[in-house]
Structure formats: structure tokens, C-alpha cells
Amino acid sequence: MWFNPITEWFLKSPLHGIFSGDTMIMYYTGMESGEAHHLPVGYLRMNDTLLTVSYKRRTWWRDLRGGALVTIRLKGKEVFGTVEVVEDDLGVADELAAIIMGNPQAARMMRVKLDAKGQPEPESLKQAVKERVIVRTTLS
């Protein structure tokens, strides 16, 4: 995407605080190509776990299947982690619900309606699950 280099520049600069509260740079190696890749991705932190949502149609997350090791630029520092890609519907639904509960604004971005109690409505959550995967990074 055209804005990725700009976002990365900010995340690597002393001005990283503008973006680093919910955006990080993930560095990883392609499974088949062996090539180094990096890209800025959004995240929600839950203790030592970072949750990232991606559309299934995107391809970057496929290189992370099977417990890939990654380096992350997180809040101005380099940290390391192990990735698990959550692709099954039940797992994605659980993680999306957790993300929405941690950041209700995420519901709007994912077009998930909330009920009167602020819980994701099952039908709209089900639709969001069909289109997404979760990249769960456990920090070392």
C-alpha cells in the first residue's frame, strides 16, 4: 500500500508515538522464498500477546503459519515473538470478539454490530469471521 513506507518511517523515528499505540512493524522471512519481508500492521495488546487482524484475501500472513519467529518494532523498540495464525471460524470469532471488547471502535471497522450490552451481534460477527484471520504473536 502506498502509505506503508510513510507509516514505517514514523514508527522508526522519534515521532513513533503518533502511530505506535496500535501499529507495529512486523519483520519475517517468507516460508518458500526465504526472502525478508516487513510491513506495518495494526495490533491490540493483551498482556504478552499481540493480536492482528488480516483479510483472508491478503497473502502476507500465510508466511507465518506453523509458529514463525518474527521481529517486531513495538513502541520504538525491537522485540521478538512467535506467531500463530488462527484460521478456524471458532478461533477467529473468539479473537475478534476479544479485540472488539478491548477496542469497541474496531467493531465499526469490521462492520460488526454491537448489541445494547456492547457485545458483538452473532450474525454480523459471523460475516466478519468469513473474511478474516487472526495473527496472534506471543512476545518472547
Protein backbone atom coordinates (compact mmCIF):
# COMPACT_ATOMS: atom_id res chain seq x y z
CA MET A 1 0.00 0.00 0.00
CA TRP A 2 1.23 3.46 -0.83
CA PHE A 3 1.16 4.67 2.79
CA ASN A 4 3.20 1.78 4.29
CA PRO A 5 6.59 3.50 3.76
CA ILE A 6 5.30 6.66 5.44
CA THR A 7 3.91 4.68 8.38
CA GLU A 8 7.18 2.76 8.72
CA TRP A 9 9.17 5.98 8.68
CA PHE A 10 7.11 7.32 11.58
CA LEU A 11 7.39 4.04 13.50
CA LYS A 12 11.20 4.09 13.17
CA SER A 13 11.52 7.78 14.07
CA PRO A 14 11.42 9.64 17.40
CA LEU A 15 7.84 10.52 16.38
CA HIS A 16 6.77 6.86 16.60
CA GLY A 17 4.29 7.68 19.37
CA ILE A 18 1.89 9.07 16.74
CA PHE A 19 1.28 5.52 15.47
CA SER A 20 2.90 3.05 17.85
CA GLY A 21 -0.04 2.76 20.25
CA ASP A 22 -1.82 0.49 17.77
CA THR A 23 0.59 -0.05 14.85
CA MET A 24 3.85 -2.02 14.71
CA ILE A 25 6.28 -3.21 12.06
CA MET A 26 6.48 -6.97 11.65
CA TYR A 27 9.67 -8.47 10.16
CA TYR A 28 9.53 -12.07 8.94
CA THR A 29 11.00 -14.47 6.40
CA GLY A 30 8.99 -15.97 3.56
CA MET A 31 8.46 -19.71 4.02
CA GLU A 32 9.07 -20.68 0.40
CA SER A 33 11.14 -17.79 -0.91
CA GLY A 34 13.35 -17.29 2.15
CA GLU A 35 13.14 -13.56 1.45
CA ALA A 36 12.97 -11.00 4.25
CA HIS A 37 9.70 -9.06 4.48
CA HIS A 38 8.38 -6.28 6.67
CA LEU A 39 5.17 -4.34 6.91
CA PRO A 40 3.27 -2.15 9.33
CA VAL A 41 0.25 -3.85 10.87
CA GLY A 42 -2.29 -2.87 13.46
CA TYR A 43 -2.41 -4.68 16.78
CA LEU A 44 -4.21 -4.93 20.07
CA ARG A 45 -2.02 -5.87 23.02
CA MET A 46 -3.32 -8.33 25.60
CA ASN A 47 -0.52 -8.89 28.14
CA ASP A 48 2.32 -10.61 26.22
CA THR A 49 0.16 -11.30 23.17
CA LEU A 50 -0.38 -9.04 20.18
CA LEU A 51 -3.48 -9.66 18.05
CA THR A 52 -3.52 -8.57 14.41
CA VAL A 53 -6.46 -8.93 12.05
CA SER A 54 -5.98 -9.51 8.33
CA TYR A 55 -8.30 -10.19 5.45
CA LYS A 56 -8.04 -13.76 4.18
CA ARG A 57 -7.57 -12.45 0.64
CA ARG A 58 -4.26 -10.85 1.62
CA THR A 59 -1.25 -13.14 1.40
CA TRP A 60 1.36 -11.83 3.84
CA TRP A 61 0.07 -13.83 6.84
CA ARG A 62 0.44 -17.16 5.02
CA ASP A 63 4.20 -16.99 5.53
CA LEU A 64 3.59 -17.00 9.29
CA ARG A 65 1.81 -20.35 9.56
CA GLY A 66 3.39 -23.02 11.71
CA GLY A 67 4.86 -20.94 14.51
CA ALA A 68 7.02 -18.47 12.60
CA LEU A 69 9.57 -16.42 14.51
CA VAL A 70 9.27 -12.67 13.97
CA THR A 71 10.96 -9.46 14.97
CA ILE A 72 8.66 -6.58 15.78
CA ARG A 73 9.25 -2.87 16.13
CA LEU A 74 6.90 -2.12 19.00
CA LYS A 75 6.69 1.32 20.60
CA GLY A 76 10.13 2.27 19.36
CA LYS A 77 11.90 -0.96 20.38
CA GLU A 78 12.72 -4.23 18.67
CA VAL A 79 11.19 -7.28 20.33
CA PHE A 80 10.86 -10.91 19.31
CA GLY A 81 7.89 -13.21 19.13
CA THR A 82 6.36 -16.40 17.86
CA VAL A 83 3.32 -16.27 15.63
CA GLU A 84 0.27 -18.47 15.45
CA VAL A 85 -2.19 -17.89 12.61
CA VAL A 86 -5.78 -18.50 13.67
CA GLU A 87 -7.86 -19.53 10.65
CA ASP A 88 -10.66 -21.69 12.04
CA ASP A 89 -14.02 -19.91 12.34
CA LEU A 90 -14.49 -20.54 16.05
CA GLY A 91 -10.99 -19.32 16.91
CA VAL A 92 -11.32 -16.24 14.71
CA ALA A 93 -14.73 -15.46 16.24
CA ASP A 94 -13.31 -15.68 19.77
CA GLU A 95 -10.35 -13.45 18.93
CA LEU A 96 -12.46 -10.89 17.04
CA ALA A 97 -14.83 -10.68 19.99
CA ALA A 98 -11.85 -10.13 22.32
CA ILE A 99 -10.48 -7.42 20.04
CA ILE A 100 -13.85 -5.68 19.89
CA MET A 101 -14.24 -5.85 23.67
CA GLY A 102 -10.74 -4.38 24.04
CA ASN A 103 -11.37 -1.72 21.41
CA PRO A 104 -15.07 -1.16 20.60
CA GLN A 105 -14.09 1.15 17.71
CA ALA A 106 -12.78 -1.96 15.93
CA ALA A 107 -16.36 -3.17 15.55
CA ARG A 108 -17.14 -0.37 13.13
CA MET A 109 -14.02 -1.05 11.05
CA MET A 110 -15.01 -4.72 10.79
CA ARG A 111 -18.70 -3.90 10.25
CA VAL A 112 -19.70 -5.82 13.36
CA LYS A 113 -22.83 -4.52 15.05
CA LEU A 114 -22.94 -4.33 18.83
CA ASP A 115 -26.00 -5.12 20.92
CA ALA A 116 -27.31 -2.97 23.79
CA LYS A 117 -24.74 -4.51 26.15
CA GLY A 118 -21.84 -3.74 23.79
CA GLN A 119 -21.46 -7.38 22.74
CA PRO A 120 -20.94 -8.32 19.07
CA GLU A 121 -24.16 -9.40 17.38
CA PRO A 122 -23.72 -13.03 16.26
CA GLU A 123 -24.79 -12.60 12.62
CA SER A 124 -22.53 -9.64 11.86
CA LEU A 125 -19.66 -11.31 13.74
CA LYS A 126 -20.19 -14.45 11.65
CA GLN A 127 -19.88 -12.37 8.47
CA ALA A 128 -16.66 -10.73 9.71
CA VAL A 129 -15.19 -14.14 10.55
CA LYS A 130 -15.71 -15.37 6.96
CA GLU A 131 -13.41 -12.63 5.66
CA ARG A 132 -10.63 -12.59 8.26
CA VAL A 133 -7.81 -14.40 10.00
CA ILE A 134 -6.04 -13.54 13.24
CA VAL A 135 -2.28 -13.34 13.62
CA ARG A 136 -1.50 -13.95 17.30
CA THR A 137 2.05 -13.01 18.30
CA THR A 138 3.37 -14.16 21.64
CA LEU A 139 6.29 -11.99 22.76
CA SER A 140 9.47 -13.72 23.94
